[in-house]
């Protein structure tokens, strides 16, 4: 059993409750504990408060569970393990939820108008891996998590404020120190590629991120001269900025990134940035030809990498956005209703760990049974999505429950209860998805257009109107 590898991270009673909640989370349709208990049916033999205490009071470590999931991924990892770090927003309502506050909402914001939303901001660290059942495709499997609190929320909970890059560095040290014999390379956007991360990386970890067009680049510092007084130079001569590199002679390459072939002009060099003059970086400036992503600048601490490899490494970061979308849409990442500290810090990350476990199960066993949907509108579909993996897991689980029934007098009755429970769960899931949606009814007459009421500029009182009529007559 896949979850048996997580048993050493908690006690036996806690692990029994954990297995019940996790295995039925995928059937619940919503990311709430009570819905998981309902989907468990007769398998939930404990009092319902026991499953709530699993998140609010039980003694177990979410980091230990994440590291145990990392052990399950190791058979597919190469010599250099690719990591991804980013943050996502879980929108919430309520003032008493621990750590809640106003955060930047990337889905509602535009380039010219930033929008903030009330919710929880999560920083996650995961593994970017290619699995055998889908060659050439990257999957992001989240493992470790930290809740980011803005300054107001940190002051309210009497905690020291820590920025998102500082939390990301903590997660990197936690994973890299547990596996000191392995080499890691993290991919992050510009928010996690600054001085606070670049200068505090673990010894066995590199990074690929973005730079600005006006970044100051330097040569290595010259050797100190004998007899020269004063502090030796920390930086060498100034090099052209990335914008100046693109103004010069560039190579034209065809990049196979983001699912399409994109032609671009590329200029690269080995340089040092002002914040970390002792670390050589491969700096790559690109300009798309005929549309695309425009002008971008990347860097990698692996100075021996080619420009195409650096761009390909950063392009693998898109799998993080896909994982966040699937977790929110299919596993109810934003829907847990807890408000105390431990419950908040554990419930939502469990949805991300379930996402990783579902993909691991599909890579081990599920891909052997999955068949593409035979529909006219899916004529070219050959690769499974996460929704397909989740549906296959539900199908195999129900099939296993039915075929595990003993051939006795109670077998048909148990089969009836299993099928009845599955139908009820499907109905509840459909009801939850359609809740709040407006169903189109062709027989319904369209509403009449709203007429704007124009009030008189100087309304008259009834007795004034009567007096006015008498005077007019």
Protein backbone atom coordinates (compact mmCIF):
# COMPACT_ATOMS: atom_id res chain seq x y z
CA UNK A 1 0.00 0.00 0.00
CA UNK A 2 1.31 3.43 -0.97
CA UNK A 3 0.36 5.12 2.30
CA UNK A 4 2.17 2.50 4.38
CA UNK A 5 5.43 4.30 3.70
CA UNK A 6 4.09 7.23 5.76
CA UNK A 7 3.35 5.12 8.85
CA UNK A 8 6.72 5.79 10.63
CA UNK A 9 5.92 9.52 10.78
CA UNK A 10 3.07 9.16 13.31
CA UNK A 11 1.56 6.84 15.91
CA UNK A 12 -0.70 3.92 14.98
CA UNK A 13 -4.03 5.52 16.07
CA UNK A 14 -3.12 8.76 14.31
CA UNK A 15 -2.09 6.88 11.19
CA UNK A 16 -5.42 5.03 11.09
CA UNK A 17 -7.31 8.34 11.15
CA UNK A 18 -4.87 9.77 8.60
CA UNK A 19 -5.48 6.88 6.17
CA UNK A 20 -9.26 7.24 6.51
CA UNK A 21 -9.20 10.98 5.78
CA UNK A 22 -6.65 10.83 2.95
CA UNK A 23 -8.17 7.87 1.11
CA UNK A 24 -11.64 9.40 1.22
CA UNK A 25 -10.53 12.94 0.45
CA UNK A 26 -10.44 12.08 -3.27
CA UNK A 27 -14.08 10.89 -3.10
CA UNK A 28 -15.39 13.84 -1.12
CA UNK A 29 -15.59 16.40 -3.91
CA UNK A 30 -14.71 19.13 -1.40
CA UNK A 31 -11.64 19.64 0.76
CA UNK A 32 -13.41 19.46 4.12
CA UNK A 33 -12.94 16.91 6.88
CA UNK A 34 -16.66 16.32 7.40
CA UNK A 35 -17.15 15.55 3.71
CA UNK A 36 -14.28 13.03 3.94
CA UNK A 37 -16.03 11.37 6.90
CA UNK A 38 -19.28 11.17 4.92
CA UNK A 39 -17.52 9.63 1.94
CA UNK A 40 -15.88 7.03 4.19
CA UNK A 41 -19.27 5.66 5.21
CA UNK A 42 -18.85 2.56 7.35
CA UNK A 43 -15.04 2.77 7.18
CA UNK A 44 -15.08 5.76 9.57
CA UNK A 45 -15.38 3.69 12.76
CA UNK A 46 -14.20 6.44 15.14
CA UNK A 47 -16.08 9.41 16.52
CA UNK A 48 -16.07 12.34 14.10
CA UNK A 49 -14.11 14.48 16.58
CA UNK A 50 -11.17 12.05 16.27
CA UNK A 51 -10.70 13.02 12.64
CA UNK A 52 -10.88 16.72 13.47
CA UNK A 53 -8.28 16.26 16.22
CA UNK A 54 -5.99 14.68 13.62
CA UNK A 55 -5.36 18.21 12.34
CA UNK A 56 -5.95 20.33 15.43
CA UNK A 57 -4.26 18.40 18.26
CA UNK A 58 -2.49 15.20 17.12
CA UNK A 59 1.29 15.02 17.47
CA UNK A 60 2.76 14.52 14.01
CA UNK A 61 4.96 16.53 11.68
CA UNK A 62 3.89 17.69 8.25
CA UNK A 63 7.55 18.07 7.25
CA UNK A 64 8.23 14.42 8.13
CA UNK A 65 5.31 13.32 5.95
CA UNK A 66 6.64 15.42 3.06
CA UNK A 67 10.11 13.89 3.37
CA UNK A 68 8.54 10.42 3.39
CA UNK A 69 6.74 11.28 0.14
CA UNK A 70 10.11 12.37 -1.27
CA UNK A 71 11.41 8.82 -0.65
CA UNK A 72 8.59 7.50 -2.83
CA UNK A 73 9.73 9.73 -5.72
CA UNK A 74 13.42 8.79 -5.58
CA UNK A 75 13.24 5.89 -8.10
CA UNK A 76 12.50 8.41 -10.88
CA UNK A 77 15.06 11.04 -9.87
CA UNK A 78 18.31 11.60 -11.71
CA UNK A 79 21.74 12.68 -10.60
CA UNK A 80 20.61 16.29 -10.19
CA UNK A 81 17.19 16.67 -8.57
CA UNK A 82 15.14 19.54 -9.98
CA UNK A 83 13.11 21.47 -7.41
CA UNK A 84 10.49 24.17 -7.76
CA UNK A 85 9.50 26.84 -5.26
CA UNK A 86 6.60 29.26 -5.51
CA UNK A 87 3.63 30.61 -3.56
CA UNK A 88 -0.12 30.46 -4.09
CA UNK A 89 -3.16 32.12 -2.56
CA UNK A 90 -6.05 30.29 -0.90
CA UNK A 91 -8.95 32.74 -0.72
CA UNK A 92 -10.82 32.74 2.60
CA UNK A 93 -13.59 34.54 4.45
CA UNK A 94 -13.52 35.37 8.13
CA UNK A 95 -11.44 37.36 10.57
CA UNK A 96 -10.63 34.60 13.08
CA UNK A 97 -8.72 32.32 10.72
CA UNK A 98 -5.10 32.03 11.81
CA UNK A 99 -2.65 33.80 9.50
CA UNK A 100 -5.28 35.28 7.20
CA UNK A 101 -4.64 38.63 5.57
CA UNK A 102 -4.61 40.65 2.36
CA UNK A 103 -2.29 39.28 -0.32
CA UNK A 104 -1.62 39.88 -3.98
CA UNK A 105 -4.07 37.96 -6.16
CA UNK A 106 -2.38 37.06 -9.47
CA UNK A 107 -5.59 35.72 -11.04
CA UNK A 108 -7.52 38.97 -10.61
CA UNK A 109 -4.62 41.33 -11.17
CA UNK A 110 -3.44 42.79 -14.44
CA UNK A 111 -0.15 44.37 -15.41
CA UNK A 112 -1.55 47.84 -14.86
CA UNK A 113 -3.85 47.16 -11.90
CA UNK A 114 -2.77 44.95 -8.98
CA UNK A 115 -5.58 43.41 -6.91
CA UNK A 116 -5.38 41.99 -3.39
CA UNK A 117 -7.64 39.35 -1.84
CA UNK A 118 -8.34 38.10 1.66
CA UNK A 119 -6.88 34.67 2.26
CA UNK A 120 -3.88 32.50 3.13
CA UNK A 121 -0.59 32.63 1.25
CA UNK A 122 1.32 29.34 1.03
CA UNK A 123 4.96 28.87 0.04
CA UNK A 124 5.61 25.36 -1.29
CA UNK A 125 8.71 23.41 -2.30
CA UNK A 126 8.41 20.36 -4.52
CA UNK A 127 10.18 18.12 -7.00
CA UNK A 128 9.95 18.64 -10.77
CA UNK A 129 10.23 15.19 -12.32
CA UNK A 130 9.55 13.43 -15.62
CA UNK A 131 7.69 10.15 -15.24
CA UNK A 132 7.93 7.15 -17.61
CA UNK A 133 4.26 7.02 -18.59
CA UNK A 134 4.48 10.49 -20.22
CA UNK A 135 7.96 11.20 -21.64
CA UNK A 136 8.94 14.82 -22.13
CA UNK A 137 6.36 16.18 -19.66
CA UNK A 138 7.25 17.71 -16.30
CA UNK A 139 5.24 17.11 -13.14
CA UNK A 140 5.53 19.22 -10.01
CA UNK A 141 5.04 17.18 -6.83
CA UNK A 142 4.77 19.49 -3.77
CA UNK A 143 6.40 18.22 -0.57
CA UNK A 144 7.10 20.96 2.00
CA UNK A 145 5.01 23.99 2.94
CA UNK A 146 5.12 27.18 4.98
CA UNK A 147 2.34 29.65 5.75
CA UNK A 148 3.31 33.23 4.93
CA UNK A 149 1.92 35.94 7.19
CA UNK A 150 2.04 39.60 6.28
CA UNK A 151 3.22 42.11 8.86
CA UNK A 152 -0.27 42.74 10.25
CA UNK A 153 -1.04 39.02 10.65
CA UNK A 154 2.37 38.33 12.17
CA UNK A 155 1.89 41.10 14.72
CA UNK A 156 -1.60 39.82 15.56
CA UNK A 157 -0.31 36.28 16.21
CA UNK A 158 2.79 37.61 18.01
CA UNK A 159 5.23 36.08 15.58
CA UNK A 160 8.33 37.45 13.92
CA UNK A 161 7.66 38.57 10.38
CA UNK A 162 9.40 36.50 7.73
CA UNK A 163 9.30 37.17 4.01
CA UNK A 164 8.45 34.57 1.38
CA UNK A 165 12.10 34.21 0.20
CA UNK A 166 13.19 33.56 3.79
CA UNK A 167 10.58 30.81 4.12
CA UNK A 168 11.74 29.33 0.80
CA UNK A 169 15.34 29.24 2.04
CA UNK A 170 14.20 27.39 5.18
CA UNK A 171 12.46 24.77 3.05
CA UNK A 172 15.53 24.35 0.85
CA UNK A 173 17.81 23.85 3.86
CA UNK A 174 15.35 21.37 5.37
CA UNK A 175 15.33 19.16 2.28
CA UNK A 176 18.97 19.55 1.25
CA UNK A 177 20.32 18.89 4.75
CA UNK A 178 18.28 15.67 4.95
CA UNK A 179 19.86 14.48 1.67
CA UNK A 180 23.39 15.85 1.81
CA UNK A 181 24.71 13.25 -0.63
CA UNK A 182 22.33 14.39 -3.40
CA UNK A 183 22.62 17.41 -5.67
CA UNK A 184 19.66 19.75 -6.07
CA UNK A 185 18.79 22.57 -8.43
CA UNK A 186 15.80 24.81 -7.73
CA UNK A 187 13.80 26.74 -10.33
CA UNK A 188 12.05 29.92 -9.19
CA UNK A 189 10.67 33.16 -10.58
CA UNK A 190 12.16 36.58 -9.93
CA UNK A 191 10.47 36.87 -6.51
CA UNK A 192 12.71 34.05 -5.23
CA UNK A 193 15.81 34.76 -7.29
CA UNK A 194 17.13 37.79 -5.44
CA UNK A 195 19.94 38.32 -2.98
CA UNK A 196 18.13 36.79 0.01
CA UNK A 197 17.95 33.41 -1.77
CA UNK A 198 21.03 33.44 -3.99
CA UNK A 199 23.39 34.26 -1.13
CA UNK A 200 21.86 31.75 1.32
CA UNK A 201 21.53 28.59 -0.77
CA UNK A 202 22.64 25.23 0.67
CA UNK A 203 26.02 23.96 -0.51
CA UNK A 204 24.48 21.14 -2.55
CA UNK A 205 21.84 23.29 -4.26
CA UNK A 206 21.90 25.63 -7.27
CA UNK A 207 19.24 27.91 -8.70
CA UNK A 208 17.82 29.10 -12.02
CA UNK A 209 15.82 32.31 -11.98
CA UNK A 210 15.32 35.65 -13.73
CA UNK A 211 17.14 38.99 -13.85
CA UNK A 212 16.20 42.45 -15.01
CA UNK A 213 17.47 44.03 -18.21
CA UNK A 214 19.51 46.60 -16.28
CA UNK A 215 21.28 44.16 -13.95
CA UNK A 216 24.89 45.11 -13.23
CA UNK A 217 27.28 42.37 -14.37
CA UNK A 218 30.98 42.06 -13.50
CA UNK A 219 34.08 40.11 -14.38
CA UNK A 220 35.82 38.03 -11.68
CA UNK A 221 37.98 40.17 -9.35
CA UNK A 222 41.66 40.45 -10.32
CA UNK A 223 44.36 38.77 -8.26
CA UNK A 224 45.62 40.99 -5.42
CA UNK A 225 48.89 42.73 -6.15
CA UNK A 226 51.84 42.30 -3.85
CA UNK A 227 52.62 45.32 -1.76
CA UNK A 228 49.24 46.89 -2.46
CA UNK A 229 47.62 48.28 0.63
CA UNK A 230 43.92 48.20 1.40
CA UNK A 231 41.10 45.74 0.91
CA UNK A 232 41.35 43.61 -2.24
CA UNK A 233 38.79 44.17 -4.95
CA UNK A 234 35.59 42.16 -4.64
CA UNK A 235 34.40 42.74 -8.21
CA UNK A 236 36.11 42.90 -11.55
CA UNK A 237 35.50 45.17 -14.50
CA UNK A 238 31.98 46.10 -15.47
CA UNK A 239 30.42 43.99 -18.24
CA UNK A 240 27.60 44.95 -20.61
CA UNK A 241 24.13 44.69 -19.12
CA UNK A 242 21.64 42.13 -20.52
CA UNK A 243 19.96 44.88 -22.56
CA UNK A 244 23.33 45.79 -24.09
CA UNK A 245 24.03 42.13 -24.86
CA UNK A 246 20.89 41.96 -26.99
CA UNK A 247 21.94 45.08 -28.89
CA UNK A 248 25.06 43.30 -30.08
CA UNK A 249 25.54 40.13 -32.12
CA UNK A 250 23.19 37.29 -31.07
CA UNK A 251 22.52 33.70 -32.02
CA UNK A 252 19.20 32.58 -33.46
CA UNK A 253 17.87 29.37 -31.94
CA UNK A 254 14.65 27.35 -31.99
CA UNK A 255 13.44 26.62 -28.44
CA UNK A 256 11.03 23.77 -27.71
CA UNK A 257 9.38 25.21 -24.60
CA UNK A 258 5.85 25.58 -23.25
CA UNK A 259 4.53 23.01 -25.71
CA UNK A 260 5.55 24.87 -28.86
CA UNK A 261 8.59 25.74 -30.94
CA UNK A 262 9.65 29.34 -30.44
CA UNK A 263 12.37 31.16 -32.36
CA UNK A 264 14.45 33.66 -30.44
CA UNK A 265 17.64 35.69 -30.40
CA UNK A 266 19.97 34.57 -27.62
CA UNK A 267 23.06 36.17 -26.05
CA UNK A 268 24.81 34.63 -23.04
CA UNK A 269 27.92 35.10 -20.95
CA UNK A 270 29.50 34.11 -17.64
CA UNK A 271 29.36 36.96 -15.15
CA UNK A 272 28.88 37.91 -11.50
CA UNK A 273 26.06 40.01 -10.12
CA UNK A 274 26.62 42.83 -7.66
CA UNK A 275 24.98 41.04 -4.71
CA UNK A 276 27.02 37.81 -5.08
CA UNK A 277 30.40 38.72 -6.63
CA UNK A 278 32.04 35.41 -5.63
CA UNK A 279 29.59 33.17 -7.52
CA UNK A 280 29.89 32.80 -11.31
CA UNK A 281 26.57 32.71 -13.15
CA UNK A 282 25.47 31.82 -16.66
CA UNK A 283 23.45 34.85 -17.77
CA UNK A 284 21.16 34.36 -20.78
CA UNK A 285 19.27 37.19 -22.52
CA UNK A 286 16.56 36.21 -25.02
CA UNK A 287 14.30 38.11 -27.39
CA UNK A 288 11.43 36.26 -29.08
CA UNK A 289 11.13 36.54 -32.86
CA UNK A 290 7.63 36.93 -34.23
CA UNK A 291 5.70 37.20 -30.94
CA UNK A 292 6.20 34.94 -27.96
CA UNK A 293 7.30 36.05 -24.52
CA UNK A 294 9.21 39.17 -25.51
CA UNK A 295 12.55 40.06 -23.91
CA UNK A 296 13.63 38.00 -20.89
CA UNK A 297 16.82 37.48 -18.89
CA UNK A 298 17.68 34.28 -17.00
CA UNK A 299 20.58 33.15 -14.89
CA UNK A 300 21.81 29.85 -13.51
CA UNK A 301 24.42 29.04 -10.89
CA UNK A 302 25.50 26.16 -13.15
CA UNK A 303 28.00 28.15 -15.21
CA UNK A 304 28.78 25.16 -17.48
CA UNK A 305 25.18 24.94 -18.75
CA UNK A 306 24.32 26.11 -22.23
CA UNK A 307 21.82 28.86 -22.96
CA UNK A 308 19.26 26.34 -24.22
CA UNK A 309 19.58 24.29 -21.03
CA UNK A 310 19.06 27.35 -18.81
CA UNK A 311 15.93 28.38 -20.73
CA UNK A 312 14.62 24.81 -20.65
CA UNK A 313 15.16 24.59 -16.90
CA UNK A 314 13.21 27.75 -16.29
CA UNK A 315 10.43 26.63 -18.64
CA UNK A 316 9.90 23.55 -16.44
CA UNK A 317 8.60 25.94 -13.79
CA UNK A 318 5.26 26.02 -15.63
CA UNK A 319 4.41 22.65 -14.07
CA UNK A 320 4.05 24.49 -10.73
CA UNK A 321 1.19 26.59 -12.08
CA UNK A 322 -0.51 23.48 -13.48
CA UNK A 323 -0.24 21.74 -10.10
CA UNK A 324 -1.77 24.71 -8.26
CA UNK A 325 -4.70 24.79 -10.68
CA UNK A 326 -5.37 21.04 -10.35
CA UNK A 327 -5.15 21.09 -6.55
CA UNK A 328 -7.64 23.95 -6.30
CA UNK A 329 -10.09 22.59 -8.85
CA UNK A 330 -10.01 18.85 -8.09
CA UNK A 331 -8.95 18.52 -4.44
CA UNK A 332 -10.50 21.57 -2.76
CA UNK A 333 -7.30 23.30 -1.67
CA UNK A 334 -9.20 26.50 -0.77
CA UNK A 335 -12.17 24.85 0.94
CA UNK A 336 -11.02 23.61 4.41
CA UNK A 337 -12.96 25.42 7.12
CA UNK A 338 -10.54 25.24 10.08
CA UNK A 339 -9.43 28.42 11.83
CA UNK A 340 -7.00 27.46 14.66
CA UNK A 341 -3.24 27.43 14.07
CA UNK A 342 -2.51 23.71 13.72
CA UNK A 343 -5.59 23.04 11.65
CA UNK A 344 -4.78 25.84 9.23
CA UNK A 345 -1.13 24.81 8.92
CA UNK A 346 -2.01 21.16 8.19
CA UNK A 347 -5.31 20.88 6.32
CA UNK A 348 -4.64 22.73 3.06
CA UNK A 349 -1.12 21.25 2.58
CA UNK A 350 -2.65 17.77 2.88
CA UNK A 351 -4.50 18.48 -0.39
CA UNK A 352 -1.15 19.13 -2.09
CA UNK A 353 0.38 15.98 -0.65
CA UNK A 354 -2.64 14.01 -1.92
CA UNK A 355 -1.95 15.50 -5.35
CA UNK A 356 1.60 14.12 -5.20
CA UNK A 357 0.41 10.72 -3.96
CA UNK A 358 -2.19 10.40 -6.75
CA UNK A 359 0.44 11.04 -9.43
CA UNK A 360 2.88 8.60 -7.76
CA UNK A 361 0.14 5.94 -7.68
CA UNK A 362 -0.65 6.53 -11.33
CA UNK A 363 3.04 6.28 -12.27
CA UNK A 364 3.34 3.00 -10.37
CA UNK A 365 0.10 1.25 -11.24
CA UNK A 366 -2.68 3.40 -12.64
CA UNK A 367 -1.19 4.04 -16.09
CA UNK A 368 -1.42 0.32 -16.87
CA UNK A 369 -5.23 0.38 -16.60
CA UNK A 370 -6.02 3.83 -17.98
CA UNK A 371 -7.48 4.13 -21.48
CA UNK A 372 -8.10 7.41 -23.34
CA UNK A 373 -11.72 8.47 -23.50
CA UNK A 374 -13.47 7.30 -26.66
CA UNK A 375 -15.23 10.54 -27.56
CA UNK A 376 -15.48 12.41 -30.82
CA UNK A 377 -14.17 15.62 -29.22
CA UNK A 378 -11.16 13.73 -27.75
CA UNK A 379 -9.97 12.24 -31.03
CA UNK A 380 -6.36 13.38 -30.54
CA UNK A 381 -6.04 12.97 -26.78
CA UNK A 382 -3.35 10.48 -25.80
CA UNK A 383 -1.99 11.71 -22.47
CA UNK A 384 -3.85 11.64 -19.14
CA UNK A 385 -4.66 14.78 -17.19
CA UNK A 386 -4.85 14.91 -13.41
CA UNK A 387 -8.66 14.61 -13.62
CA UNK A 388 -8.16 11.36 -15.54
CA UNK A 389 -5.76 10.09 -12.89
CA UNK A 390 -8.23 10.94 -10.14
CA UNK A 391 -11.11 9.24 -11.97
CA UNK A 392 -8.99 6.12 -12.55
CA UNK A 393 -8.06 6.01 -8.86
CA UNK A 394 -11.75 6.21 -7.88
CA UNK A 395 -12.65 3.51 -10.39
CA UNK A 396 -9.93 1.12 -9.22
CA UNK A 397 -10.77 1.76 -5.56
CA UNK A 398 -14.47 0.95 -6.03
CA UNK A 399 -13.56 -2.08 -8.12
CA UNK A 400 -11.23 -3.31 -5.38
CA UNK A 401 -13.91 -2.89 -2.72
CA UNK A 402 -16.44 -4.86 -4.75
CA UNK A 403 -14.14 -7.77 -5.63
CA UNK A 404 -12.84 -8.02 -2.06
CA UNK A 405 -16.30 -8.95 -0.72
CA UNK A 406 -16.61 -12.55 0.56
CA UNK A 407 -19.04 -14.93 -1.13
CA UNK A 408 -21.45 -15.31 1.78
CA UNK A 409 -25.00 -14.24 2.56
CA UNK A 410 -23.93 -10.68 3.40
CA UNK A 411 -22.04 -10.18 0.13
CA UNK A 412 -24.94 -8.80 -1.96
CA UNK A 413 -26.02 -6.50 0.88
CA UNK A 414 -22.50 -5.08 1.24
CA UNK A 415 -22.29 -4.66 -2.52
CA UNK A 416 -25.55 -2.73 -2.46
CA UNK A 417 -24.24 -0.45 0.30
CA UNK A 418 -21.01 0.25 -1.62
CA UNK A 419 -22.86 1.14 -4.81
CA UNK A 420 -25.39 3.25 -2.90
CA UNK A 421 -22.60 5.16 -1.19
CA UNK A 422 -20.82 5.74 -4.52
CA UNK A 423 -24.02 7.09 -6.12
CA UNK A 424 -24.67 9.39 -3.15
CA UNK A 425 -21.12 10.76 -3.34
CA UNK A 426 -21.48 11.39 -7.08
CA UNK A 427 -24.76 13.23 -6.48
CA UNK A 428 -23.27 15.34 -3.66
CA UNK A 429 -20.26 16.21 -5.80
CA UNK A 430 -22.45 17.28 -8.72
CA UNK A 431 -24.63 19.33 -6.37
CA UNK A 432 -21.57 21.07 -4.90
CA UNK A 433 -20.24 21.90 -8.38
CA UNK A 434 -23.59 23.27 -9.56
CA UNK A 435 -24.26 25.22 -6.38
CA UNK A 436 -24.48 28.87 -7.16
CA UNK A 437 -24.49 28.26 -10.93
CA UNK A 438 -27.34 29.65 -13.00
CA UNK A 439 -29.02 26.98 -15.13
CA UNK A 440 -30.33 28.14 -18.50
CA UNK A 441 -34.07 27.57 -19.01
CA UNK A 442 -35.29 28.16 -22.60
CA UNK A 443 -38.92 28.57 -21.43
CA UNK A 444 -38.03 31.37 -19.10
CA UNK A 445 -38.87 34.79 -20.53
CA UNK A 446 -35.99 37.23 -20.59
CA UNK A 447 -36.13 39.93 -17.93
CA UNK A 448 -37.37 43.34 -18.94
CA UNK A 449 -34.70 45.99 -19.22
CA UNK A 450 -34.31 48.12 -16.15
CA UNK A 451 -35.58 51.65 -16.59
CA UNK A 452 -33.72 54.33 -14.84
CA UNK A 453 -36.03 56.30 -12.52
CA UNK A 454 -35.76 60.02 -12.95
CA UNK A 455 -36.84 61.92 -9.90
CA UNK A 456 -37.92 65.57 -10.29
CA UNK A 457 -35.33 68.12 -9.46
CA UNK A 458 -37.66 69.93 -7.02
CA UNK A 459 -40.33 67.51 -5.74
CA UNK A 460 -43.47 69.22 -4.52
CA UNK A 461 -45.53 68.29 -1.52
CA UNK A 462 -49.20 67.26 -2.01
CA UNK A 463 -50.64 70.46 -0.52
CA UNK A 464 -48.29 72.55 -2.70
CA UNK A 465 -49.54 70.77 -5.85
CA UNK A 466 -53.20 71.37 -4.81
CA UNK A 467 -52.54 75.07 -4.22
CA UNK A 468 -50.80 75.31 -7.58
CA UNK A 469 -53.86 73.76 -9.32
CA UNK A 470 -56.26 76.15 -7.65
CA UNK A 471 -54.17 79.16 -8.64
CA UNK A 472 -53.99 77.93 -12.22
CA UNK A 473 -57.77 77.55 -12.42
